[in-house]
Amino acid sequence: MTMKDEGPMRNRAEIIDCLKKIPAILTELVAEASPALLKKRGVAGKWSIHEHPCHLVDVHPMLIGRFIMFRNEEAPWLII
């Protein structure tokens, strides 16, 4: 999905509304799953349900730092 004026999310308010809903959606889905299902890797080499939110927790500080940099700097640098 691109950030153009086409597709399901067309403006800032829609994007913010979607982002606000993510924690509740993830919490509900994870709460309903059994511990065995949370740890199961459906495809070899791919992450389990458990590993996905763990990754989000790990990268959260880095992403917030990037967003702040993009907001505050005219030409932010980005190390990939």
Protein backbone atom coordinates (compact mmCIF):
# COMPACT_ATOMS: atom_id res chain seq x y z
CA MET A 1 0.00 0.00 0.00
CA THR A 2 1.27 3.44 -0.84
CA MET A 3 0.59 6.74 0.86
CA LYS A 4 -0.95 8.23 -2.31
CA ASP A 5 -4.49 9.61 -2.41
CA GLU A 6 -5.84 6.23 -3.51
CA GLY A 7 -6.64 2.99 -1.79
CA PRO A 8 -8.36 2.34 1.52
CA MET A 9 -6.44 4.93 3.59
CA ARG A 10 -6.60 8.33 1.96
CA ASN A 11 -5.86 10.81 4.69
CA ARG A 12 -4.05 11.30 7.95
CA ALA A 13 -7.19 10.89 10.08
CA GLU A 14 -7.94 7.46 8.56
CA ILE A 15 -4.36 6.31 9.08
CA ILE A 16 -4.34 7.50 12.71
CA ASP A 17 -7.69 5.82 13.35
CA CYS A 18 -6.36 2.52 11.96
CA LEU A 19 -3.18 2.74 14.05
CA LYS A 20 -5.19 3.38 17.22
CA LYS A 21 -7.14 0.14 16.70
CA ILE A 22 -4.10 -2.14 16.30
CA PRO A 23 -3.31 -2.77 20.02
CA ALA A 24 -6.87 -3.88 20.82
CA ILE A 25 -7.03 -6.11 17.75
CA LEU A 26 -3.70 -7.78 18.52
CA THR A 27 -4.56 -8.19 22.21
CA GLU A 28 -7.86 -9.90 21.40
CA LEU A 29 -6.30 -12.24 18.83
CA VAL A 30 -3.42 -13.25 21.08
CA ALA A 31 -5.68 -13.71 24.12
CA GLU A 32 -7.88 -16.15 22.19
CA ALA A 33 -5.01 -18.35 20.98
CA SER A 34 -3.70 -21.33 22.93
CA PRO A 35 -0.07 -21.23 24.14
CA ALA A 36 0.77 -24.04 21.70
CA LEU A 37 -0.72 -22.11 18.77
CA LEU A 38 1.13 -18.93 19.78
CA LYS A 39 4.48 -20.75 19.59
CA LYS A 40 3.73 -22.80 16.46
CA ARG A 41 5.56 -21.88 13.27
CA GLY A 42 3.19 -22.66 10.43
CA VAL A 43 5.97 -22.46 7.88
CA ALA A 44 9.57 -23.45 8.53
CA GLY A 45 11.75 -20.39 8.96
CA LYS A 46 8.80 -18.01 9.44
CA TRP A 47 7.84 -16.39 12.73
CA SER A 48 5.19 -17.68 15.09
CA ILE A 49 2.30 -15.55 16.36
CA HIS A 50 4.30 -15.03 19.56
CA GLU A 51 7.41 -13.84 17.73
CA HIS A 52 5.61 -11.11 15.77
CA PRO A 53 4.54 -8.97 18.77
CA CYS A 54 7.91 -9.66 20.43
CA HIS A 55 9.54 -8.15 17.34
CA LEU A 56 7.25 -5.11 17.55
CA VAL A 57 8.28 -4.57 21.17
CA ASP A 58 11.95 -4.85 20.20
CA VAL A 59 11.77 -2.37 17.29
CA HIS A 60 9.33 0.10 18.90
CA PRO A 61 12.02 2.44 20.34
CA MET A 62 13.87 2.51 17.00
CA LEU A 63 10.69 3.28 15.05
CA ILE A 64 9.66 6.07 17.43
CA GLY A 65 13.15 7.56 17.04
CA ARG A 66 12.79 7.47 13.26
CA PHE A 67 9.35 9.10 13.36
CA ILE A 68 10.68 11.87 15.59
CA MET A 69 13.64 12.37 13.26
CA PHE A 70 11.36 12.54 10.19
CA ARG A 71 9.15 15.05 11.97
CA ASN A 72 11.98 17.28 13.21
CA GLU A 73 14.55 17.22 10.41
CA GLU A 74 14.26 18.67 6.93
CA ALA A 75 16.45 15.98 5.35
CA PRO A 76 16.74 13.08 7.82
CA TRP A 77 19.32 10.37 7.25
CA LEU A 78 18.36 6.75 7.54
CA ILE A 79 20.67 3.80 8.12
CA ILE A 80 19.19 0.60 6.75
